[in-house]
Amino acid sequence: MPTPHTSRSLIVRLSRIEGQVAALKRSLAADAPADCAQTLFQVKAATNGLKRFAEAFSREHARRCVSKKTGRDCLADELDTIINSAFTLS
């Protein structure tokens, strides 16, 4: 189970991403034309934020779940599962 500090940190990351996505929505919904460069910067920030969240979440998941495994075969299987879950889009 994640520590309260880790959970809080992950939640803060998600909240920041939500704010960035909400700003993008507002920008697109506004009648006034948006600054294209600023909009692209926001898209990049949200995308990078989600990538950093996925990395932090995967790291925490690996620490928590792998620490329960003691056998080498179990460890290798668990790491494969984590990597596939984190980086496979299907």
N, C-alpha and C. Protein backbone atom coordinates (compact mmCIF):
# COMPACT_ATOMS: atom_id res chain seq x y z
N MET A 1 0.84 -1.19 0.00
CA MET A 1 0.00 0.00 0.00
C MET A 1 0.88 1.24 0.00
N PRO A 2 0.55 2.24 -0.82
CA PRO A 2 1.38 3.43 -0.87
C PRO A 2 1.35 4.18 0.46
N THR A 3 2.43 4.86 0.76
CA THR A 3 2.47 5.66 1.98
C THR A 3 1.58 6.88 1.78
N PRO A 4 1.13 7.48 2.88
CA PRO A 4 0.30 8.69 2.74
C PRO A 4 1.04 9.80 1.97
N HIS A 5 2.34 9.92 2.19
CA HIS A 5 3.12 10.94 1.48
C HIS A 5 3.13 10.66 -0.03
N THR A 6 3.35 9.40 -0.40
CA THR A 6 3.39 9.04 -1.82
C THR A 6 2.03 9.24 -2.46
N SER A 7 0.97 8.79 -1.78
CA SER A 7 -0.38 8.98 -2.32
C SER A 7 -0.68 10.46 -2.51
N ARG A 8 -0.31 11.27 -1.54
CA ARG A 8 -0.56 12.71 -1.63
C ARG A 8 0.20 13.31 -2.80
N SER A 9 1.44 12.90 -2.96
CA SER A 9 2.26 13.39 -4.07
C SER A 9 1.65 13.03 -5.42
N LEU A 10 1.15 11.81 -5.55
CA LEU A 10 0.51 11.39 -6.80
C LEU A 10 -0.78 12.16 -7.05
N ILE A 11 -1.53 12.40 -6.01
CA ILE A 11 -2.78 13.16 -6.13
C ILE A 11 -2.49 14.60 -6.55
N VAL A 12 -1.44 15.19 -5.99
CA VAL A 12 -1.06 16.55 -6.37
C VAL A 12 -0.69 16.60 -7.85
N ARG A 13 0.04 15.60 -8.32
CA ARG A 13 0.39 15.54 -9.74
C ARG A 13 -0.87 15.49 -10.61
N LEU A 14 -1.81 14.63 -10.23
CA LEU A 14 -3.05 14.51 -11.00
C LEU A 14 -3.86 15.80 -10.98
N SER A 15 -3.89 16.45 -9.84
CA SER A 15 -4.63 17.72 -9.74
C SER A 15 -4.03 18.78 -10.65
N ARG A 16 -2.72 18.82 -10.72
CA ARG A 16 -2.05 19.78 -11.60
C ARG A 16 -2.41 19.49 -13.06
N ILE A 17 -2.41 18.21 -13.42
CA ILE A 17 -2.77 17.81 -14.79
C ILE A 17 -4.22 18.19 -15.08
N GLU A 18 -5.11 17.94 -14.12
CA GLU A 18 -6.52 18.32 -14.30
C GLU A 18 -6.65 19.81 -14.56
N GLY A 19 -5.88 20.61 -13.83
CA GLY A 19 -5.92 22.06 -14.02
C GLY A 19 -5.45 22.46 -15.41
N GLN A 20 -4.41 21.79 -15.88
CA GLN A 20 -3.89 22.09 -17.21
C GLN A 20 -4.91 21.72 -18.29
N VAL A 21 -5.55 20.58 -18.13
CA VAL A 21 -6.55 20.14 -19.11
C VAL A 21 -7.77 21.07 -19.05
N ALA A 22 -8.17 21.48 -17.86
CA ALA A 22 -9.30 22.40 -17.74
C ALA A 22 -8.98 23.74 -18.42
N ALA A 23 -7.74 24.21 -18.28
CA ALA A 23 -7.34 25.45 -18.94
C ALA A 23 -7.41 25.30 -20.46
N LEU A 24 -7.01 24.13 -20.95
CA LEU A 24 -7.11 23.87 -22.38
C LEU A 24 -8.56 23.90 -22.85
N LYS A 25 -9.44 23.27 -22.09
CA LYS A 25 -10.87 23.26 -22.43
C LYS A 25 -11.42 24.68 -22.48
N ARG A 26 -11.10 25.46 -21.44
CA ARG A 26 -11.59 26.84 -21.40
C ARG A 26 -11.07 27.64 -22.59
N SER A 27 -9.82 27.43 -22.93
CA SER A 27 -9.22 28.13 -24.05
C SER A 27 -9.93 27.79 -25.36
N LEU A 28 -10.22 26.53 -25.56
CA LEU A 28 -10.90 26.11 -26.79
C LEU A 28 -12.36 26.55 -26.82
N ALA A 29 -12.99 26.63 -25.67
CA ALA A 29 -14.40 27.01 -25.61
C ALA A 29 -14.60 28.52 -25.68
N ALA A 30 -13.56 29.30 -25.43
CA ALA A 30 -13.67 30.76 -25.43
C ALA A 30 -13.96 31.28 -26.84
N ASP A 31 -14.71 32.35 -26.89
CA ASP A 31 -15.02 32.96 -28.18
C ASP A 31 -13.79 33.64 -28.79
N ALA A 32 -12.94 34.18 -27.94
CA ALA A 32 -11.74 34.87 -28.42
C ALA A 32 -10.71 33.84 -28.86
N PRO A 33 -10.00 34.12 -29.93
CA PRO A 33 -8.97 33.18 -30.36
C PRO A 33 -7.85 33.06 -29.32
N ALA A 34 -7.40 31.84 -29.12
CA ALA A 34 -6.36 31.59 -28.13
C ALA A 34 -4.99 31.82 -28.75
N ASP A 35 -4.04 32.12 -27.91
CA ASP A 35 -2.65 32.21 -28.33
C ASP A 35 -2.17 30.80 -28.64
N CYS A 36 -1.89 30.53 -29.91
CA CYS A 36 -1.53 29.17 -30.34
C CYS A 36 -0.29 28.64 -29.62
N ALA A 37 0.72 29.47 -29.47
CA ALA A 37 1.94 29.03 -28.80
C ALA A 37 1.64 28.67 -27.34
N GLN A 38 0.84 29.48 -26.67
CA GLN A 38 0.49 29.20 -25.27
C GLN A 38 -0.32 27.92 -25.16
N THR A 39 -1.23 27.70 -26.10
CA THR A 39 -2.05 26.49 -26.09
C THR A 39 -1.17 25.26 -26.28
N LEU A 40 -0.25 25.33 -27.22
CA LEU A 40 0.66 24.20 -27.44
C LEU A 40 1.55 23.95 -26.21
N PHE A 41 1.97 25.04 -25.56
CA PHE A 41 2.75 24.90 -24.33
C PHE A 41 1.93 24.17 -23.27
N GLN A 42 0.64 24.51 -23.15
CA GLN A 42 -0.25 23.86 -22.17
C GLN A 42 -0.42 22.38 -22.50
N VAL A 43 -0.57 22.06 -23.79
CA VAL A 43 -0.69 20.65 -24.21
C VAL A 43 0.57 19.89 -23.82
N LYS A 44 1.71 20.48 -24.10
CA LYS A 44 2.98 19.84 -23.77
C LYS A 44 3.11 19.65 -22.26
N ALA A 45 2.73 20.65 -21.49
CA ALA A 45 2.82 20.56 -20.03
C ALA A 45 1.93 19.45 -19.50
N ALA A 46 0.71 19.35 -20.01
CA ALA A 46 -0.22 18.30 -19.56
C ALA A 46 0.30 16.92 -19.95
N THR A 47 0.81 16.80 -21.16
CA THR A 47 1.34 15.52 -21.64
C THR A 47 2.54 15.09 -20.80
N ASN A 48 3.47 16.01 -20.58
CA ASN A 48 4.65 15.69 -19.77
C ASN A 48 4.27 15.39 -18.33
N GLY A 49 3.29 16.11 -17.82
CA GLY A 49 2.83 15.85 -16.46
C GLY A 49 2.26 14.45 -16.32
N LEU A 50 1.49 14.03 -17.31
CA LEU A 50 0.92 12.69 -17.27
C LEU A 50 2.01 11.63 -17.38
N LYS A 51 3.02 11.89 -18.20
CA LYS A 51 4.15 10.96 -18.30
C LYS A 51 4.88 10.85 -16.96
N ARG A 52 5.11 11.99 -16.32
CA ARG A 52 5.80 11.97 -15.01
C ARG A 52 4.95 11.27 -13.96
N PHE A 53 3.63 11.47 -14.02
CA PHE A 53 2.75 10.76 -13.10
C PHE A 53 2.86 9.25 -13.31
N ALA A 54 2.81 8.82 -14.58
CA ALA A 54 2.89 7.39 -14.89
C ALA A 54 4.20 6.80 -14.39
N GLU A 55 5.28 7.55 -14.55
CA GLU A 55 6.58 7.08 -14.07
C GLU A 55 6.59 6.94 -12.55
N ALA A 56 6.09 7.96 -11.86
CA ALA A 56 6.07 7.92 -10.40
C ALA A 56 5.16 6.81 -9.89
N PHE A 57 3.99 6.66 -10.53
CA PHE A 57 3.06 5.62 -10.12
C PHE A 57 3.66 4.23 -10.37
N SER A 58 4.30 4.05 -11.54
CA SER A 58 4.91 2.76 -11.86
C SER A 58 6.03 2.43 -10.88
N ARG A 59 6.83 3.44 -10.54
CA ARG A 59 7.91 3.24 -9.58
C ARG A 59 7.35 2.80 -8.22
N GLU A 60 6.31 3.49 -7.76
CA GLU A 60 5.71 3.14 -6.47
C GLU A 60 5.10 1.74 -6.52
N HIS A 61 4.41 1.45 -7.62
CA HIS A 61 3.81 0.12 -7.78
C HIS A 61 4.89 -0.95 -7.74
N ALA A 62 5.99 -0.71 -8.44
CA ALA A 62 7.08 -1.68 -8.47
C ALA A 62 7.67 -1.88 -7.07
N ARG A 63 7.90 -0.81 -6.37
CA ARG A 63 8.47 -0.92 -5.01
C ARG A 63 7.54 -1.71 -4.10
N ARG A 64 6.27 -1.40 -4.18
CA ARG A 64 5.30 -2.02 -3.29
C ARG A 64 5.09 -3.48 -3.65
N CYS A 65 4.84 -3.76 -4.90
CA CYS A 65 4.49 -5.11 -5.31
C CYS A 65 5.69 -6.03 -5.39
N VAL A 66 6.79 -5.52 -5.89
CA VAL A 66 7.97 -6.36 -6.03
C VAL A 66 8.56 -6.69 -4.67
N SER A 67 8.41 -5.80 -3.72
CA SER A 67 8.96 -6.08 -2.40
C SER A 67 8.27 -7.28 -1.74
N LYS A 68 7.07 -7.61 -2.20
CA LYS A 68 6.35 -8.77 -1.68
C LYS A 68 6.85 -10.07 -2.29
N LYS A 69 7.50 -9.98 -3.45
CA LYS A 69 7.98 -11.16 -4.16
C LYS A 69 9.39 -11.48 -3.70
N THR A 70 9.66 -12.76 -3.48
CA THR A 70 11.00 -13.13 -3.03
C THR A 70 11.74 -14.00 -4.04
N GLY A 71 11.03 -14.80 -4.81
CA GLY A 71 11.69 -15.67 -5.77
C GLY A 71 12.09 -14.91 -7.02
N ARG A 72 13.20 -15.31 -7.63
CA ARG A 72 13.68 -14.64 -8.84
C ARG A 72 12.69 -14.73 -9.98
N ASP A 73 12.09 -15.90 -10.19
CA ASP A 73 11.13 -16.04 -11.28
C ASP A 73 9.92 -15.15 -11.03
N CYS A 74 9.46 -15.11 -9.80
CA CYS A 74 8.32 -14.25 -9.47
C CYS A 74 8.68 -12.78 -9.69
N LEU A 75 9.88 -12.41 -9.30
CA LEU A 75 10.33 -11.04 -9.46
C LEU A 75 10.38 -10.66 -10.94
N ALA A 76 10.97 -11.52 -11.76
CA ALA A 76 11.07 -11.25 -13.19
C ALA A 76 9.69 -11.15 -13.82
N ASP A 77 8.79 -12.05 -13.46
CA ASP A 77 7.42 -12.00 -14.00
C ASP A 77 6.72 -10.72 -13.58
N GLU A 78 6.89 -10.33 -12.34
CA GLU A 78 6.23 -9.12 -11.84
C GLU A 78 6.78 -7.88 -12.55
N LEU A 79 8.08 -7.82 -12.75
CA LEU A 79 8.66 -6.68 -13.46
C LEU A 79 8.16 -6.62 -14.90
N ASP A 80 8.06 -7.76 -15.56
CA ASP A 80 7.50 -7.78 -16.91
C ASP A 80 6.07 -7.25 -16.93
N THR A 81 5.28 -7.67 -15.97
CA THR A 81 3.90 -7.23 -15.87
C THR A 81 3.83 -5.72 -15.67
N ILE A 82 4.67 -5.19 -14.79
CA ILE A 82 4.68 -3.76 -14.51
C ILE A 82 5.07 -2.98 -15.76
N ILE A 83 6.12 -3.41 -16.43
CA ILE A 83 6.59 -2.71 -17.61
C ILE A 83 5.54 -2.74 -18.71
N ASN A 84 4.94 -3.91 -18.94
CA ASN A 84 3.90 -4.01 -19.95
C ASN A 84 2.68 -3.16 -19.61
N SER A 85 2.31 -3.14 -18.35
CA SER A 85 1.16 -2.31 -17.92
C SER A 85 1.45 -0.83 -18.11
N ALA A 86 2.67 -0.43 -17.85
CA ALA A 86 3.00 0.98 -17.91
C ALA A 86 3.19 1.50 -19.33
N PHE A 87 3.65 0.65 -20.23
CA PHE A 87 4.06 1.16 -21.54
C PHE A 87 3.33 0.56 -22.73
N THR A 88 2.33 -0.28 -22.50
CA THR A 88 1.54 -0.82 -23.58
C THR A 88 0.24 -0.04 -23.66
N LEU A 89 -0.12 0.42 -24.82
CA LEU A 89 -1.29 1.28 -24.97
C LEU A 89 -2.58 0.53 -25.21
N SER A 90 -2.55 -0.77 -25.34
CA SER A 90 -3.80 -1.49 -25.60
C SER A 90 -4.45 -1.96 -24.34
